[in-house]
């Protein structure tokens, strides 16, 4: 299965179960990546200055000298923590 149908299914389930904000929390790493690109583009077009060395933000960390496996593992850890946090907010019925 591709990522687009999986994302559509997750979004549909979130809307049906009325947990849209939890979807943002579960996909926090993806949201941060997308928002970093938006901020970079808006900042460059409006002020002519960049916020990050490179967007998306994982490339910024690589440009700062972090090795790619280090960035990946740290983003995994953040994603796991966000998933656990969002699961803990669900009410058991």
PDB file of N, CA and C in Angstrom:
ATOM      1  N   UNK A   1       0.834  -1.183   0.000  1.00  0.00           N
ATOM      2  CA  UNK A   1       0.000   0.000   0.000  1.00  0.00           C
ATOM      3  C   UNK A   1       0.876   1.243   0.000  1.00  0.00           C
ATOM      4  N   UNK A   2       0.399   2.259  -0.669  1.00  0.00           N
ATOM      5  CA  UNK A   2       1.134   3.507  -0.711  1.00  0.00           C
ATOM      6  C   UNK A   2       0.834   4.393   0.481  1.00  0.00           C
ATOM      7  N   UNK A   3       1.644   5.420   0.631  1.00  0.00           N
ATOM      8  CA  UNK A   3       1.464   6.316   1.769  1.00  0.00           C
ATOM      9  C   UNK A   3       0.226   7.204   1.611  1.00  0.00           C
ATOM     10  N   UNK A   4      -0.151   7.526   0.386  1.00  0.00           N
ATOM     11  CA  UNK A   4      -1.318   8.391   0.192  1.00  0.00           C
ATOM     12  C   UNK A   4      -2.613   7.706   0.648  1.00  0.00           C
ATOM     13  N   UNK A   5      -2.881   6.452   0.253  1.00  0.00           N
ATOM     14  CA  UNK A   5      -4.091   5.797   0.776  1.00  0.00           C
ATOM     15  C   UNK A   5      -4.040   5.576   2.287  1.00  0.00           C
ATOM     16  N   UNK A   6      -2.862   5.282   2.828  1.00  0.00           N
ATOM     17  CA  UNK A   6      -2.753   5.097   4.273  1.00  0.00           C
ATOM     18  C   UNK A   6      -3.035   6.406   5.003  1.00  0.00           C
ATOM     19  N   UNK A   7      -2.508   7.509   4.511  1.00  0.00           N
ATOM     20  CA  UNK A   7      -2.770   8.807   5.113  1.00  0.00           C
ATOM     21  C   UNK A   7      -4.234   9.196   5.004  1.00  0.00           C
ATOM     22  N   UNK A   8      -4.838   8.895   3.865  1.00  0.00           N
ATOM     23  CA  UNK A   8      -6.268   9.186   3.688  1.00  0.00           C
ATOM     24  C   UNK A   8      -7.102   8.357   4.653  1.00  0.00           C
ATOM     25  N   UNK A   9      -6.730   7.101   4.845  1.00  0.00           N
ATOM     26  CA  UNK A   9      -7.456   6.241   5.782  1.00  0.00           C
ATOM     27  C   UNK A   9      -7.305   6.759   7.211  1.00  0.00           C
ATOM     28  N   UNK A  10      -6.088   7.162   7.593  1.00  0.00           N
ATOM     29  CA  UNK A  10      -5.878   7.714   8.932  1.00  0.00           C
ATOM     30  C   UNK A  10      -6.685   8.995   9.130  1.00  0.00           C
ATOM     31  N   UNK A  11      -6.689   9.859   8.141  1.00  0.00           N
ATOM     32  CA  UNK A  11      -7.463  11.092   8.229  1.00  0.00           C
ATOM     33  C   UNK A  11      -8.953  10.833   8.330  1.00  0.00           C
ATOM     34  N   UNK A  12      -9.445   9.871   7.565  1.00  0.00           N
ATOM     35  CA  UNK A  12     -10.857   9.521   7.603  1.00  0.00           C
ATOM     36  C   UNK A  12     -11.252   8.978   8.967  1.00  0.00           C
ATOM     37  N   UNK A  13     -10.440   8.077   9.493  1.00  0.00           N
ATOM     38  CA  UNK A  13     -10.720   7.514  10.818  1.00  0.00           C
ATOM     39  C   UNK A  13     -10.688   8.602  11.886  1.00  0.00           C
ATOM     40  N   UNK A  14      -9.748   9.542  11.784  1.00  0.00           N
ATOM     41  CA  UNK A  14      -9.659  10.638  12.756  1.00  0.00           C
ATOM     42  C   UNK A  14     -10.899  11.523  12.706  1.00  0.00           C
ATOM     43  N   UNK A  15     -11.390  11.813  11.510  1.00  0.00           N
ATOM     44  CA  UNK A  15     -12.581  12.659  11.381  1.00  0.00           C
ATOM     45  C   UNK A  15     -13.814  11.930  11.878  1.00  0.00           C
ATOM     46  N   UNK A  16     -13.942  10.657  11.513  1.00  0.00           N
ATOM     47  CA  UNK A  16     -15.112   9.881  11.941  1.00  0.00           C
ATOM     48  C   UNK A  16     -15.146   9.738  13.462  1.00  0.00           C
ATOM     49  N   UNK A  17     -13.975   9.499  14.065  1.00  0.00           N
ATOM     50  CA  UNK A  17     -13.922   9.320  15.523  1.00  0.00           C
ATOM     51  C   UNK A  17     -13.783  10.643  16.283  1.00  0.00           C
ATOM     52  N   UNK A  18     -13.775  11.756  15.550  1.00  0.00           N
ATOM     53  CA  UNK A  18     -13.680  13.105  16.121  1.00  0.00           C
ATOM     54  C   UNK A  18     -12.415  13.292  16.953  1.00  0.00           C
ATOM     55  N   UNK A  19     -11.289  12.807  16.432  1.00  0.00           N
ATOM     56  CA  UNK A  19      -9.986  12.968  17.074  1.00  0.00           C
ATOM     57  C   UNK A  19      -8.992  13.597  16.095  1.00  0.00           C
ATOM     58  N   UNK A  20      -9.401  14.697  15.476  1.00  0.00           N
ATOM     59  CA  UNK A  20      -8.559  15.332  14.470  1.00  0.00           C
ATOM     60  C   UNK A  20      -7.256  15.873  15.061  1.00  0.00           C
ATOM     61  N   UNK A  21      -7.334  16.429  16.275  1.00  0.00           N
ATOM     62  CA  UNK A  21      -6.130  16.982  16.891  1.00  0.00           C
ATOM     63  C   UNK A  21      -5.130  15.896  17.250  1.00  0.00           C
ATOM     64  N   UNK A  22      -5.631  14.703  17.575  1.00  0.00           N
ATOM     65  CA  UNK A  22      -4.719  13.598  17.863  1.00  0.00           C
ATOM     66  C   UNK A  22      -3.942  13.187  16.622  1.00  0.00           C
ATOM     67  N   UNK A  23      -4.569  13.328  15.459  1.00  0.00           N
ATOM     68  CA  UNK A  23      -3.872  13.001  14.220  1.00  0.00           C
ATOM     69  C   UNK A  23      -2.678  13.926  14.020  1.00  0.00           C
ATOM     70  N   UNK A  24      -2.830  15.201  14.382  1.00  0.00           N
ATOM     71  CA  UNK A  24      -1.699  16.132  14.293  1.00  0.00           C
ATOM     72  C   UNK A  24      -0.599  15.746  15.273  1.00  0.00           C
ATOM     73  N   UNK A  25      -1.006  15.242  16.445  1.00  0.00           N
ATOM     74  CA  UNK A  25      -0.015  14.855  17.441  1.00  0.00           C
ATOM     75  C   UNK A  25       0.709  13.575  17.027  1.00  0.00           C
ATOM     76  N   UNK A  26      -0.033  12.603  16.509  1.00  0.00           N
ATOM     77  CA  UNK A  26       0.585  11.346  16.070  1.00  0.00           C
ATOM     78  C   UNK A  26       1.558  11.599  14.925  1.00  0.00           C
ATOM     79  N   UNK A  27       1.157  12.441  14.003  1.00  0.00           N
ATOM     80  CA  UNK A  27       2.012  12.766  12.864  1.00  0.00           C
ATOM     81  C   UNK A  27       2.847  14.008  13.104  1.00  0.00           C
ATOM     82  N   UNK A  28       3.237  14.235  14.334  1.00  0.00           N
ATOM     83  CA  UNK A  28       3.953  15.442  14.715  1.00  0.00           C
ATOM     84  C   UNK A  28       5.235  15.681  13.942  1.00  0.00           C
ATOM     85  N   UNK A  29       5.972  14.623  13.679  1.00  0.00           N
ATOM     86  CA  UNK A  29       7.231  14.772  12.941  1.00  0.00           C
ATOM     87  C   UNK A  29       6.943  15.243  11.513  1.00  0.00           C
ATOM     88  N   UNK A  30       5.914  14.695  10.909  1.00  0.00           N
ATOM     89  CA  UNK A  30       5.562  15.100   9.549  1.00  0.00           C
ATOM     90  C   UNK A  30       5.046  16.531   9.527  1.00  0.00           C
ATOM     91  N   UNK A  31       4.306  16.899  10.559  1.00  0.00           N
ATOM     92  CA  UNK A  31       3.798  18.272  10.657  1.00  0.00           C
ATOM     93  C   UNK A  31       4.965  19.248  10.811  1.00  0.00           C
ATOM     94  N   UNK A  32       5.930  18.924  11.664  1.00  0.00           N
ATOM     95  CA  UNK A  32       7.093  19.786  11.871  1.00  0.00           C
ATOM     96  C   UNK A  32       7.893  19.929  10.578  1.00  0.00           C
ATOM     97  N   UNK A  33       8.055  18.839   9.848  1.00  0.00           N
ATOM     98  CA  UNK A  33       8.772  18.887   8.570  1.00  0.00           C
ATOM     99  C   UNK A  33       8.059  19.818   7.590  1.00  0.00           C
ATOM    100  N   UNK A  34       6.743  19.692   7.488  1.00  0.00           N
ATOM    101  CA  UNK A  34       5.985  20.523   6.550  1.00  0.00           C
ATOM    102  C   UNK A  34       5.986  21.994   6.976  1.00  0.00           C
ATOM    103  N   UNK A  35       5.818  22.232   8.271  1.00  0.00           N
ATOM    104  CA  UNK A  35       5.790  23.610   8.770  1.00  0.00           C
ATOM    105  C   UNK A  35       7.143  24.285   8.589  1.00  0.00           C
ATOM    106  N   UNK A  36       8.233  23.521   8.725  1.00  0.00           N
ATOM    107  CA  UNK A  36       9.562  24.112   8.533  1.00  0.00           C
ATOM    108  C   UNK A  36       9.743  24.601   7.097  1.00  0.00           C
ATOM    109  N   UNK A  37       9.204  23.863   6.141  1.00  0.00           N
ATOM    110  CA  UNK A  37       9.283  24.297   4.739  1.00  0.00           C
ATOM    111  C   UNK A  37       8.434  25.544   4.527  1.00  0.00           C
ATOM    112  N   UNK A  38       7.237  25.564   5.110  1.00  0.00           N
ATOM    113  CA  UNK A  38       6.358  26.728   4.964  1.00  0.00           C
ATOM    114  C   UNK A  38       7.023  27.971   5.547  1.00  0.00           C
ATOM    115  N   UNK A  39       7.578  27.850   6.752  1.00  0.00           N
ATOM    116  CA  UNK A  39       8.256  28.991   7.373  1.00  0.00           C
ATOM    117  C   UNK A  39       9.436  29.472   6.538  1.00  0.00           C
ATOM    118  N   UNK A  40      10.197  28.521   5.995  1.00  0.00           N
ATOM    119  CA  UNK A  40      11.368  28.880   5.190  1.00  0.00           C
ATOM    120  C   UNK A  40      10.956  29.668   3.944  1.00  0.00           C
ATOM    121  N   UNK A  41       9.928  29.188   3.257  1.00  0.00           N
ATOM    122  CA  UNK A  41       9.478  29.840   2.021  1.00  0.00           C
ATOM    123  C   UNK A  41       8.899  31.222   2.324  1.00  0.00           C
ATOM    124  N   UNK A  42       8.048  31.312   3.343  1.00  0.00           N
ATOM    125  CA  UNK A  42       7.432  32.593   3.687  1.00  0.00           C
ATOM    126  C   UNK A  42       8.498  33.597   4.122  1.00  0.00           C
ATOM    127  N   UNK A  43       9.444  33.157   4.935  1.00  0.00           N
ATOM    128  CA  UNK A  43      10.500  34.051   5.401  1.00  0.00           C
ATOM    129  C   UNK A  43      11.366  34.535   4.243  1.00  0.00           C
ATOM    130  N   UNK A  44      11.718  33.644   3.342  1.00  0.00           N
ATOM    131  CA  UNK A  44      12.583  34.041   2.229  1.00  0.00           C
ATOM    132  C   UNK A  44      11.868  34.970   1.264  1.00  0.00           C
ATOM    133  N   UNK A  45      10.583  34.708   1.023  1.00  0.00           N
ATOM    134  CA  UNK A  45       9.851  35.564   0.084  1.00  0.00           C
ATOM    135  C   UNK A  45       9.523  36.926   0.675  1.00  0.00           C
ATOM    136  N   UNK A  46       9.288  36.986   1.977  1.00  0.00           N
ATOM    137  CA  UNK A  46       8.898  38.262   2.571  1.00  0.00           C
ATOM    138  C   UNK A  46      10.098  39.099   3.024  1.00  0.00           C
ATOM    139  N   UNK A  47      11.107  38.461   3.621  1.00  0.00           N
ATOM    140  CA  UNK A  47      12.242  39.215   4.169  1.00  0.00           C
ATOM    141  C   UNK A  47      13.530  39.025   3.386  1.00  0.00           C
ATOM    142  N   UNK A  48      13.576  37.986   2.558  1.00  0.00           N
ATOM    143  CA  UNK A  48      14.805  37.695   1.833  1.00  0.00           C
ATOM    144  C   UNK A  48      15.837  36.969   2.674  1.00  0.00           C
ATOM    145  N   UNK A  49      15.449  36.516   3.859  1.00  0.00           N
ATOM    146  CA  UNK A  49      16.356  35.791   4.758  1.00  0.00           C
ATOM    147  C   UNK A  49      15.808  34.407   5.026  1.00  0.00           C
ATOM    148  N   UNK A  50      16.723  33.489   5.273  1.00  0.00           N
ATOM    149  CA  UNK A  50      16.341  32.124   5.580  1.00  0.00           C
ATOM    150  C   UNK A  50      16.334  31.904   7.089  1.00  0.00           C
ATOM    151  N   UNK A  51      15.420  31.080   7.551  1.00  0.00           N
ATOM    152  CA  UNK A  51      15.368  30.715   8.965  1.00  0.00           C
ATOM    153  C   UNK A  51      16.312  29.549   9.221  1.00  0.00           C
ATOM    154  N   UNK A  52      16.247  28.561   8.350  1.00  0.00           N
ATOM    155  CA  UNK A  52      17.067  27.356   8.467  1.00  0.00           C
ATOM    156  C   UNK A  52      18.126  27.365   7.378  1.00  0.00           C
ATOM    157  N   UNK A  53      19.187  26.601   7.587  1.00  0.00           N
ATOM    158  CA  UNK A  53      20.214  26.488   6.547  1.00  0.00           C
ATOM    159  C   UNK A  53      19.643  25.827   5.307  1.00  0.00           C
ATOM    160  N   UNK A  54      18.741  24.874   5.523  1.00  0.00           N
ATOM    161  CA  UNK A  54      18.089  24.175   4.423  1.00  0.00           C
ATOM    162  C   UNK A  54      16.778  23.617   4.957  1.00  0.00           C
ATOM    163  N   UNK A  55      15.775  23.580   4.148  1.00  0.00           N
ATOM    164  CA  UNK A  55      14.493  23.008   4.546  1.00  0.00           C
ATOM    165  C   UNK A  55      14.250  21.765   3.706  1.00  0.00           C
ATOM    166  N   UNK A  56      13.551  20.764   4.206  1.00  0.00           N
ATOM    167  CA  UNK A  56      12.939  20.586   5.511  1.00  0.00           C
ATOM    168  C   UNK A  56      13.975  20.495   6.631  1.00  0.00           C
ATOM    169  N   UNK A  57      13.464  20.507   7.843  1.00  0.00           N
ATOM    170  CA  UNK A  57      14.325  20.704   9.003  1.00  0.00           C
ATOM    171  C   UNK A  57      15.358  19.595   9.197  1.00  0.00           C
ATOM    172  N   UNK A  58      15.076  18.378   8.713  1.00  0.00           N
ATOM    173  CA  UNK A  58      16.088  17.318   8.883  1.00  0.00           C
ATOM    174  C   UNK A  58      17.343  17.628   8.057  1.00  0.00           C
ATOM    175  N   UNK A  59      17.187  18.332   6.945  1.00  0.00           N
ATOM    176  CA  UNK A  59      18.363  18.745   6.172  1.00  0.00           C
ATOM    177  C   UNK A  59      19.130  19.850   6.890  1.00  0.00           C
ATOM    178  N   UNK A  60      18.420  20.691   7.631  1.00  0.00           N
ATOM    179  CA  UNK A  60      19.071  21.729   8.431  1.00  0.00           C
ATOM    180  C   UNK A  60      20.007  21.087   9.453  1.00  0.00           C
ATOM    181  N   UNK A  61      19.518  20.042  10.122  1.00  0.00           N
ATOM    182  CA  UNK A  61      20.354  19.358  11.105  1.00  0.00           C
ATOM    183  C   UNK A  61      21.565  18.690  10.456  1.00  0.00           C
ATOM    184  N   UNK A  62      21.378  18.151   9.253  1.00  0.00           N
ATOM    185  CA  UNK A  62      22.498  17.543   8.541  1.00  0.00           C
ATOM    186  C   UNK A  62      23.532  18.604   8.149  1.00  0.00           C
ATOM    187  N   UNK A  63      23.042  19.784   7.762  1.00  0.00           N
ATOM    188  CA  UNK A  63      23.964  20.874   7.412  1.00  0.00           C
ATOM    189  C   UNK A  63      24.708  21.390   8.639  1.00  0.00           C
ATOM    190  N   UNK A  64      24.108  21.246   9.819  1.00  0.00           N
ATOM    191  CA  UNK A  64      24.756  21.664  11.064  1.00  0.00           C
ATOM    192  C   UNK A  64      25.834  20.675  11.508  1.00  0.00           C
ATOM    193  N   UNK A  65      25.918  19.515  10.826  1.00  0.00           N
ATOM    194  CA  UNK A  65      26.966  18.562  11.141  1.00  0.00           C
ATOM    195  C   UNK A  65      26.501  17.259  11.755  1.00  0.00           C
ATOM    196  N   UNK A  66      25.202  17.122  11.997  1.00  0.00           N
ATOM    197  CA  UNK A  66      24.700  15.860  12.526  1.00  0.00           C
ATOM    198  C   UNK A  66      24.749  14.820  11.411  1.00  0.00           C
ATOM    199  N   UNK A  67      25.088  13.608  11.759  1.00  0.00           N
ATOM    200  CA  UNK A  67      25.079  12.523  10.772  1.00  0.00           C
ATOM    201  C   UNK A  67      23.639  12.087  10.541  1.00  0.00           C
ATOM    202  N   UNK A  68      23.378  11.581   9.323  1.00  0.00           N
ATOM    203  CA  UNK A  68      22.014  11.212   8.954  1.00  0.00           C
ATOM    204  C   UNK A  68      21.408  10.163   9.886  1.00  0.00           C
ATOM    205  N   UNK A  69      22.136   9.098  10.256  1.00  0.00           N
ATOM    206  CA  UNK A  69      21.531   8.126  11.186  1.00  0.00           C
ATOM    207  C   UNK A  69      21.149   8.744  12.533  1.00  0.00           C
ATOM    208  N   UNK A  70      21.926   9.701  12.987  1.00  0.00           N
ATOM    209  CA  UNK A  70      21.622  10.379  14.253  1.00  0.00           C
ATOM    210  C   UNK A  70      20.306  11.158  14.141  1.00  0.00           C
ATOM    211  N   UNK A  71      20.113  11.852  13.038  1.00  0.00           N
ATOM    212  CA  UNK A  71      18.885  12.605  12.811  1.00  0.00           C
ATOM    213  C   UNK A  71      17.698  11.653  12.740  1.00  0.00           C
ATOM    214  N   UNK A  72      17.859  10.559  11.998  1.00  0.00           N
ATOM    215  CA  UNK A  72      16.769   9.603  11.816  1.00  0.00           C
ATOM    216  C   UNK A  72      16.358   8.991  13.147  1.00  0.00           C
ATOM    217  N   UNK A  73      17.325   8.565  13.944  1.00  0.00           N
ATOM    218  CA  UNK A  73      17.012   7.927  15.221  1.00  0.00           C
ATOM    219  C   UNK A  73      16.341   8.925  16.158  1.00  0.00           C
ATOM    220  N   UNK A  74      16.787  10.146  16.177  1.00  0.00           N
ATOM    221  CA  UNK A  74      16.157  11.150  17.045  1.00  0.00           C
ATOM    222  C   UNK A  74      14.729  11.449  16.604  1.00  0.00           C
ATOM    223  N   UNK A  75      14.492  11.487  15.304  1.00  0.00           N
ATOM    224  CA  UNK A  75      13.119  11.701  14.834  1.00  0.00           C
ATOM    225  C   UNK A  75      12.245  10.483  15.131  1.00  0.00           C
ATOM    226  N   UNK A  76      12.810   9.275  15.087  1.00  0.00           N
ATOM    227  CA  UNK A  76      12.066   8.080  15.497  1.00  0.00           C
ATOM    228  C   UNK A  76      11.648   8.193  16.954  1.00  0.00           C
ATOM    229  N   UNK A  77      12.584   8.603  17.793  1.00  0.00           N
ATOM    230  CA  UNK A  77      12.293   8.726  19.223  1.00  0.00           C
ATOM    231  C   UNK A  77      11.190   9.752  19.456  1.00  0.00           C
ATOM    232  N   UNK A  78      11.277  10.883  18.780  1.00  0.00           N
ATOM    233  CA  UNK A  78      10.241  11.907  18.918  1.00  0.00           C
ATOM    234  C   UNK A  78       8.898  11.371  18.443  1.00  0.00           C
ATOM    235  N   UNK A  79       8.884  10.640  17.319  1.00  0.00           N
ATOM    236  CA  UNK A  79       7.641  10.082  16.789  1.00  0.00           C
ATOM    237  C   UNK A  79       7.043   9.060  17.753  1.00  0.00           C
ATOM    238  N   UNK A  80       7.878   8.226  18.355  1.00  0.00           N
ATOM    239  CA  UNK A  80       7.388   7.232  19.314  1.00  0.00           C
ATOM    240  C   UNK A  80       6.797   7.924  20.540  1.00  0.00           C
ATOM    241  N   UNK A  81       7.483   8.946  21.041  1.00  0.00           N
ATOM    242  CA  UNK A  81       6.972   9.671  22.206  1.00  0.00           C
ATOM    243  C   UNK A  81       5.645  10.369  21.894  1.00  0.00           C
ATOM    244  N   UNK A  82       5.533  10.964  20.723  1.00  0.00           N
ATOM    245  CA  UNK A  82       4.276  11.607  20.343  1.00  0.00           C
ATOM    246  C   UNK A  82       3.154  10.589  20.185  1.00  0.00           C
ATOM    247  N   UNK A  83       3.462   9.415  19.623  1.00  0.00           N
ATOM    248  CA  UNK A  83       2.451   8.375  19.471  1.00  0.00           C
ATOM    249  C   UNK A  83       1.987   7.873  20.838  1.00  0.00           C
ATOM    250  N   UNK A  84       2.922   7.659  21.755  1.00  0.00           N
ATOM    251  CA  UNK A  84       2.552   7.217  23.097  1.00  0.00           C
ATOM    252  C   UNK A  84       1.737   8.281  23.825  1.00  0.00           C
ATOM    253  N   UNK A  85       2.127   9.539  23.662  1.00  0.00           N
ATOM    254  CA  UNK A  85       1.386  10.628  24.288  1.00  0.00           C
ATOM    255  C   UNK A  85      -0.040  10.700  23.753  1.00  0.00           C
ATOM    256  N   UNK A  86      -0.191  10.555  22.458  1.00  0.00           N
ATOM    257  CA  UNK A  86      -1.532  10.633  21.884  1.00  0.00           C
ATOM    258  C   UNK A  86      -2.365   9.413  22.260  1.00  0.00           C
ATOM    259  N   UNK A  87      -1.748   8.247  22.357  1.00  0.00           N
ATOM    260  CA  UNK A  87      -2.487   7.061  22.801  1.00  0.00           C
ATOM    261  C   UNK A  87      -2.934   7.201  24.249  1.00  0.00           C
ATOM    262  N   UNK A  88      -2.128   7.854  25.051  1.00  0.00           N
ATOM    263  CA  UNK A  88      -2.487   8.019  26.459  1.00  0.00           C
ATOM    264  C   UNK A  88      -3.646   8.992  26.644  1.00  0.00           C
ATOM    265  N   UNK A  89      -3.924   9.816  25.659  1.00  0.00           N
ATOM    266  CA  UNK A  89      -5.024  10.763  25.789  1.00  0.00           C
ATOM    267  C   UNK A  89      -6.361  10.169  25.361  1.00  0.00           C
ATOM    268  N   UNK A  90      -6.335   9.036  24.707  1.00  0.00           N
ATOM    269  CA  UNK A  90      -7.589   8.396  24.295  1.00  0.00           C
ATOM    270  C   UNK A  90      -8.322   7.865  25.514  1.00  0.00           C
ATOM    271  N   UNK A  91      -9.605   8.022  25.511  1.00  0.00           N
ATOM    272  CA  UNK A  91     -10.404   7.506  26.607  1.00  0.00           C
ATOM    273  C   UNK A  91     -10.846   6.083  26.267  1.00  0.00           C
ATOM    274  N   UNK A  92     -10.633   5.192  27.195  1.00  0.00           N
ATOM    275  CA  UNK A  92     -11.109   3.827  26.991  1.00  0.00           C
ATOM    276  C   UNK A  92     -12.607   3.779  27.284  1.00  0.00           C
ATOM    277  N   UNK A  93     -13.344   3.191  26.371  1.00  0.00           N
ATOM    278  CA  UNK A  93     -14.794   3.149  26.548  1.00  0.00           C
ATOM    279  C   UNK A  93     -15.249   1.739  26.761  1.00  0.00           C
TER     280      UNK A  93
END
